[in-house]
């Protein structure tokens, strides 16, 4: 159905056969990334490999660049990482279709 949490950025750029094979098998399907802080040329290469979303944005500058380059961002509010307050102001009528919410790594005791 797709490939989740592509986080082996060094493996992808090091052309590790197992990493490239996973991405190749998922081409044409949703591929979700997990690369906090990835920007610039590295981000462009990551997107070129087929990764279309990321749930690891931790600051507005990073999220803005990913949105500007066509990625979807999942704004995370979990038990450890809480990015909603910082990233919610980036959501506009023009990009709302590419902004989602995620509760990654949420501890069961936090549901209250």
Protein backbone atom coordinates (compact mmCIF):
# COMPACT_ATOMS: atom_id res chain seq x y z
CA UNK A 1 0.00 0.00 0.00
CA UNK A 2 2.97 2.32 0.52
CA UNK A 3 6.15 2.82 2.51
CA UNK A 4 6.23 4.49 5.89
CA UNK A 5 8.92 6.36 7.72
CA UNK A 6 11.83 6.41 5.30
CA UNK A 7 14.46 7.50 7.78
CA UNK A 8 17.64 6.01 6.38
CA UNK A 9 18.72 9.13 4.55
CA UNK A 10 22.42 8.10 4.53
CA UNK A 11 21.47 4.72 3.09
CA UNK A 12 19.41 6.31 0.38
CA UNK A 13 22.19 8.66 -0.66
CA UNK A 14 24.82 5.98 -0.22
CA UNK A 15 22.82 3.92 -2.76
CA UNK A 16 22.45 0.99 -0.35
CA UNK A 17 20.63 -1.66 -2.41
CA UNK A 18 18.16 -2.60 0.35
CA UNK A 19 17.12 1.02 0.91
CA UNK A 20 16.80 1.82 -2.78
CA UNK A 21 14.92 -1.44 -3.31
CA UNK A 22 12.31 -0.49 -0.71
CA UNK A 23 11.78 2.89 -2.32
CA UNK A 24 11.64 1.41 -5.81
CA UNK A 25 9.01 -1.15 -4.75
CA UNK A 26 6.84 1.67 -3.37
CA UNK A 27 7.12 4.10 -6.31
CA UNK A 28 3.67 5.25 -7.37
CA UNK A 29 2.35 4.63 -3.87
CA UNK A 30 2.49 6.90 -0.83
CA UNK A 31 5.99 7.15 0.65
CA UNK A 32 6.24 8.86 4.04
CA UNK A 33 9.50 10.37 5.22
CA UNK A 34 11.03 10.84 8.62
CA UNK A 35 13.92 13.28 8.34
CA UNK A 36 13.97 16.14 10.83
CA UNK A 37 16.03 19.11 9.75
CA UNK A 38 16.41 18.05 6.13
CA UNK A 39 16.55 21.12 3.90
CA UNK A 40 18.19 22.51 0.77
CA UNK A 41 19.72 20.19 -1.82
CA UNK A 42 19.35 17.17 0.45
CA UNK A 43 15.62 17.80 0.73
CA UNK A 44 15.33 18.18 -3.05
CA UNK A 45 17.04 14.82 -3.53
CA UNK A 46 14.80 13.22 -0.89
CA UNK A 47 11.69 14.46 -2.72
CA UNK A 48 13.11 13.34 -6.07
CA UNK A 49 13.41 9.82 -4.64
CA UNK A 50 9.62 9.80 -4.18
CA UNK A 51 9.13 10.79 -0.56
CA UNK A 52 6.06 13.00 -0.42
CA UNK A 53 5.35 13.63 3.27
CA UNK A 54 7.11 14.04 6.60
CA UNK A 55 5.96 13.95 10.22
CA UNK A 56 9.23 15.13 11.74
CA UNK A 57 9.13 18.89 11.13
CA UNK A 58 10.23 20.61 14.30
CA UNK A 59 10.35 24.27 13.31
CA UNK A 60 8.47 26.61 10.96
CA UNK A 61 11.41 27.20 8.60
CA UNK A 62 11.80 23.49 7.88
CA UNK A 63 8.05 22.90 7.50
CA UNK A 64 7.71 25.94 5.23
CA UNK A 65 10.45 24.68 2.91
CA UNK A 66 8.92 21.22 2.73
CA UNK A 67 5.49 22.69 1.92
CA UNK A 68 7.02 25.05 -0.66
CA UNK A 69 8.60 22.03 -2.36
CA UNK A 70 5.31 20.16 -2.59
CA UNK A 71 5.54 17.85 0.40
CA UNK A 72 2.73 17.21 2.83
CA UNK A 73 3.59 17.75 6.46
CA UNK A 74 2.06 15.93 9.37
CA UNK A 75 1.98 18.24 12.35
CA UNK A 76 2.88 16.06 15.29
CA UNK A 77 1.56 16.31 18.81
CA UNK A 78 2.72 13.23 20.68
CA UNK A 79 3.91 12.49 24.18
CA UNK A 80 7.50 13.50 23.51
CA UNK A 81 7.46 15.77 20.45
CA UNK A 82 4.91 18.56 20.53
CA UNK A 83 5.03 20.64 17.35
CA UNK A 84 1.42 21.81 16.99
CA UNK A 85 1.88 25.23 18.58
CA UNK A 86 4.96 26.03 16.46
CA UNK A 87 3.65 24.73 13.13
CA UNK A 88 -0.08 25.46 13.16
CA UNK A 89 0.42 29.13 12.12
CA UNK A 90 1.85 27.85 8.79
CA UNK A 91 -1.48 26.31 7.78
CA UNK A 92 -3.29 28.52 5.27
CA UNK A 93 -6.19 28.10 2.88
CA UNK A 94 -3.62 27.62 0.12
CA UNK A 95 -1.73 24.73 1.74
CA UNK A 96 -4.29 23.15 4.09
CA UNK A 97 -4.71 20.13 1.80
CA UNK A 98 -1.06 19.25 2.46
CA UNK A 99 -1.16 19.75 6.24
CA UNK A 100 -2.26 16.83 8.37
CA UNK A 101 -2.14 15.99 12.05
CA UNK A 102 -0.35 13.06 13.67
CA UNK A 103 -0.02 11.75 17.20
CA UNK A 104 3.23 9.84 16.70
CA UNK A 105 4.68 8.17 19.78
CA UNK A 106 1.75 8.92 22.05
CA UNK A 107 1.77 7.14 25.39
CA UNK A 108 -1.59 5.56 26.36
CA UNK A 109 -1.58 7.36 29.73
CA UNK A 110 -1.58 10.72 27.93
CA UNK A 111 -5.14 10.25 26.61
CA UNK A 112 -7.13 12.27 29.09
